[in-house]
Amino acid sequence: MPRKTFVLFSLISLVIFAMPVTTQATRVVYLPGVYQVAGTDPDGTKYTGTVTVTRTRATLRVVWKIGSRVWRGTGLRVGNILSVGYNGGVAAYRIVHSKRFEGEWAPHGSAKTGREIWTR
């Protein structure tokens, strides 16, 4: 195979095989915004409200408003998981796509968890 053809074939192969990895790795989901939240407490009580996410450098500020109550937390994103420590417990959410998060949360000291879905 002539050198010019070999180089061209090598470059095309590199682009073809690297494309799925590059496409997957560069998928960007913009997290800041206001979400509608629907959840279930560990005791089975259902609730709805809003969650506001704002960027604060390397972390995210997360504020839940459920009825007249407000919870504040700090989140970290690792891959497609958003973990949040808040003034009452911990939560972890799977980022399904930019408009849907699904997760579980637990109050400090609890043996049970609640569930939430965020949508926008």
C-alpha atoms as a PDB file:
ATOM      1  CA  MET A   1       0.000   0.000   0.000  1.00  0.00           C
ATOM      2  CA  PRO A   2       1.516   3.375  -0.964  1.00  0.00           C
ATOM      3  CA  ARG A   3       2.412   5.619   1.986  1.00  0.00           C
ATOM      4  CA  LYS A   4      -0.149   8.318   1.052  1.00  0.00           C
ATOM      5  CA  THR A   5      -2.979   5.732   0.919  1.00  0.00           C
ATOM      6  CA  PHE A   6      -1.831   4.182   4.219  1.00  0.00           C
ATOM      7  CA  VAL A   7      -1.852   7.570   5.991  1.00  0.00           C
ATOM      8  CA  LEU A   8      -5.300   8.409   4.594  1.00  0.00           C
ATOM      9  CA  PHE A   9      -6.661   4.976   5.586  1.00  0.00           C
ATOM     10  CA  SER A  10      -5.184   5.376   9.095  1.00  0.00           C
ATOM     11  CA  LEU A  11      -6.769   8.805   9.557  1.00  0.00           C
ATOM     12  CA  ILE A  12     -10.187   7.613   8.369  1.00  0.00           C
ATOM     13  CA  SER A  13      -9.997   4.572  10.685  1.00  0.00           C
ATOM     14  CA  LEU A  14      -9.052   6.783  13.623  1.00  0.00           C
ATOM     15  CA  VAL A  15     -12.008   9.115  13.007  1.00  0.00           C
ATOM     16  CA  ILE A  16     -14.483   6.245  12.579  1.00  0.00           C
ATOM     17  CA  PHE A  17     -13.379   4.346  15.703  1.00  0.00           C
ATOM     18  CA  ALA A  18     -12.964   7.448  17.881  1.00  0.00           C
ATOM     19  CA  MET A  19     -16.303   9.014  16.949  1.00  0.00           C
ATOM     20  CA  PRO A  20     -18.599   7.073  19.351  1.00  0.00           C
ATOM     21  CA  VAL A  21     -16.257   7.701  22.280  1.00  0.00           C
ATOM     22  CA  THR A  22     -15.918  11.393  21.475  1.00  0.00           C
ATOM     23  CA  THR A  23     -19.649  11.838  20.968  1.00  0.00           C
ATOM     24  CA  GLN A  24     -20.474  10.111  24.266  1.00  0.00           C
ATOM     25  CA  ALA A  25     -17.737  11.883  26.244  1.00  0.00           C
ATOM     26  CA  THR A  26     -18.661  15.361  25.049  1.00  0.00           C
ATOM     27  CA  ARG A  27     -22.411  15.080  25.739  1.00  0.00           C
ATOM     28  CA  VAL A  28     -23.188  18.157  27.787  1.00  0.00           C
ATOM     29  CA  VAL A  29     -26.186  18.384  30.091  1.00  0.00           C
ATOM     30  CA  TYR A  30     -26.812  21.887  31.414  1.00  0.00           C
ATOM     31  CA  LEU A  31     -27.987  21.458  35.013  1.00  0.00           C
ATOM     32  CA  PRO A  32     -28.767  24.975  36.318  1.00  0.00           C
ATOM     33  CA  GLY A  33     -32.443  25.905  36.153  1.00  0.00           C
ATOM     34  CA  VAL A  34     -35.810  25.456  37.830  1.00  0.00           C
ATOM     35  CA  TYR A  35     -37.336  21.981  37.994  1.00  0.00           C
ATOM     36  CA  GLN A  36     -40.741  20.691  39.038  1.00  0.00           C
ATOM     37  CA  VAL A  37     -40.300  18.036  41.710  1.00  0.00           C
ATOM     38  CA  ALA A  38     -42.648  15.170  42.564  1.00  0.00           C
ATOM     39  CA  GLY A  39     -41.668  12.853  45.363  1.00  0.00           C
ATOM     40  CA  THR A  40     -42.576  10.405  48.070  1.00  0.00           C
ATOM     41  CA  ASP A  41     -41.384  10.722  51.684  1.00  0.00           C
ATOM     42  CA  PRO A  42     -39.936   7.646  53.428  1.00  0.00           C
ATOM     43  CA  ASP A  43     -43.353   7.229  55.140  1.00  0.00           C
ATOM     44  CA  GLY A  44     -45.149   7.139  51.748  1.00  0.00           C
ATOM     45  CA  THR A  45     -46.524  10.711  51.774  1.00  0.00           C
ATOM     46  CA  LYS A  46     -46.506  12.266  48.290  1.00  0.00           C
ATOM     47  CA  TYR A  47     -45.445  15.883  47.675  1.00  0.00           C
ATOM     48  CA  THR A  48     -44.725  18.359  44.861  1.00  0.00           C
ATOM     49  CA  GLY A  49     -42.802  21.608  44.599  1.00  0.00           C
ATOM     50  CA  THR A  50     -39.827  23.176  42.841  1.00  0.00           C
ATOM     51  CA  VAL A  51     -36.064  22.721  42.873  1.00  0.00           C
ATOM     52  CA  THR A  52     -33.719  25.503  41.770  1.00  0.00           C
ATOM     53  CA  VAL A  53     -30.170  24.589  40.744  1.00  0.00           C
ATOM     54  CA  THR A  54     -27.466  27.252  40.319  1.00  0.00           C
ATOM     55  CA  ARG A  55     -23.773  26.873  39.596  1.00  0.00           C
ATOM     56  CA  THR A  56     -21.287  28.067  42.238  1.00  0.00           C
ATOM     57  CA  ARG A  57     -17.907  27.406  40.602  1.00  0.00           C
ATOM     58  CA  ALA A  58     -17.141  23.683  41.063  1.00  0.00           C
ATOM     59  CA  THR A  59     -20.351  22.900  42.971  1.00  0.00           C
ATOM     60  CA  LEU A  60     -24.064  23.417  42.539  1.00  0.00           C
ATOM     61  CA  ARG A  61     -26.461  25.172  44.922  1.00  0.00           C
ATOM     62  CA  VAL A  62     -29.720  23.232  45.227  1.00  0.00           C
ATOM     63  CA  VAL A  63     -32.834  24.765  46.838  1.00  0.00           C
ATOM     64  CA  TRP A  64     -36.065  22.791  47.297  1.00  0.00           C
ATOM     65  CA  LYS A  65     -39.370  24.596  47.935  1.00  0.00           C
ATOM     66  CA  ILE A  66     -42.081  22.193  49.057  1.00  0.00           C
ATOM     67  CA  GLY A  67     -45.166  24.056  50.233  1.00  0.00           C
ATOM     68  CA  SER A  68     -43.948  26.644  52.750  1.00  0.00           C
ATOM     69  CA  ARG A  69     -40.755  24.706  53.587  1.00  0.00           C
ATOM     70  CA  VAL A  70     -37.308  25.329  52.086  1.00  0.00           C
ATOM     71  CA  TRP A  71     -34.262  23.017  52.079  1.00  0.00           C
ATOM     72  CA  ARG A  72     -30.811  24.123  50.893  1.00  0.00           C
ATOM     73  CA  GLY A  73     -27.983  21.897  49.741  1.00  0.00           C
ATOM     74  CA  THR A  74     -24.671  21.656  47.917  1.00  0.00           C
ATOM     75  CA  GLY A  75     -24.322  19.311  44.973  1.00  0.00           C
ATOM     76  CA  LEU A  76     -21.497  17.638  43.101  1.00  0.00           C
ATOM     77  CA  ARG A  77     -21.851  16.113  39.664  1.00  0.00           C
ATOM     78  CA  VAL A  78     -19.795  13.037  38.781  1.00  0.00           C
ATOM     79  CA  GLY A  79     -20.685  11.628  35.371  1.00  0.00           C
ATOM     80  CA  ASN A  80     -24.454  11.232  35.223  1.00  0.00           C
ATOM     81  CA  ILE A  81     -24.917  11.315  39.021  1.00  0.00           C
ATOM     82  CA  LEU A  82     -25.748  14.430  41.047  1.00  0.00           C
ATOM     83  CA  SER A  83     -25.076  13.961  44.766  1.00  0.00           C
ATOM     84  CA  VAL A  84     -26.438  16.536  47.214  1.00  0.00           C
ATOM     85  CA  GLY A  85     -25.888  17.067  50.906  1.00  0.00           C
ATOM     86  CA  TYR A  86     -28.651  19.226  52.358  1.00  0.00           C
ATOM     87  CA  ASN A  87     -29.729  20.611  55.736  1.00  0.00           C
ATOM     88  CA  GLY A  88     -31.436  17.401  56.762  1.00  0.00           C
ATOM     89  CA  GLY A  89     -29.810  14.536  54.861  1.00  0.00           C
ATOM     90  CA  VAL A  90     -28.331  13.303  51.602  1.00  0.00           C
ATOM     91  CA  ALA A  91     -29.651  12.729  48.077  1.00  0.00           C
ATOM     92  CA  ALA A  92     -28.407  11.152  44.845  1.00  0.00           C
ATOM     93  CA  TYR A  93     -29.956  11.643  41.407  1.00  0.00           C
ATOM     94  CA  ARG A  94     -29.372   9.925  38.068  1.00  0.00           C
ATOM     95  CA  ILE A  95     -29.375  12.493  35.270  1.00  0.00           C
ATOM     96  CA  VAL A  96     -31.630  10.837  32.699  1.00  0.00           C
ATOM     97  CA  HIS A  97     -31.312  13.813  30.328  1.00  0.00           C
ATOM     98  CA  SER A  98     -31.281  17.602  30.629  1.00  0.00           C
ATOM     99  CA  LYS A  99     -34.980  17.708  31.541  1.00  0.00           C
ATOM    100  CA  ARG A 100     -35.311  14.728  33.913  1.00  0.00           C
ATOM    101  CA  PHE A 101     -33.535  13.576  37.075  1.00  0.00           C
ATOM    102  CA  GLU A 102     -34.550  10.515  39.145  1.00  0.00           C
ATOM    103  CA  GLY A 103     -33.256   9.927  42.636  1.00  0.00           C
ATOM    104  CA  GLU A 104     -33.477   8.876  46.236  1.00  0.00           C
ATOM    105  CA  TRP A 105     -32.893  10.786  49.428  1.00  0.00           C
ATOM    106  CA  ALA A 106     -32.628  10.009  53.112  1.00  0.00           C
ATOM    107  CA  PRO A 107     -32.964  12.203  56.199  1.00  0.00           C
ATOM    108  CA  HIS A 108     -30.016  12.099  58.626  1.00  0.00           C
ATOM    109  CA  GLY A 109     -30.196   8.943  60.727  1.00  0.00           C
ATOM    110  CA  SER A 110     -33.031   7.372  58.718  1.00  0.00           C
ATOM    111  CA  ALA A 111     -33.140   3.705  57.724  1.00  0.00           C
ATOM    112  CA  LYS A 112     -35.652   4.489  54.938  1.00  0.00           C
ATOM    113  CA  THR A 113     -35.418   6.522  51.752  1.00  0.00           C
ATOM    114  CA  GLY A 114     -37.706   8.792  49.779  1.00  0.00           C
ATOM    115  CA  ARG A 115     -37.841   9.136  46.004  1.00  0.00           C
ATOM    116  CA  GLU A 116     -37.968  12.164  43.711  1.00  0.00           C
ATOM    117  CA  ILE A 117     -38.301  12.977  40.030  1.00  0.00           C
ATOM    118  CA  TRP A 118     -37.276  16.412  38.742  1.00  0.00           C
ATOM    119  CA  THR A 119     -38.563  17.619  35.376  1.00  0.00           C
ATOM    120  CA  ARG A 120     -38.407  20.859  33.384  1.00  0.00           C
END
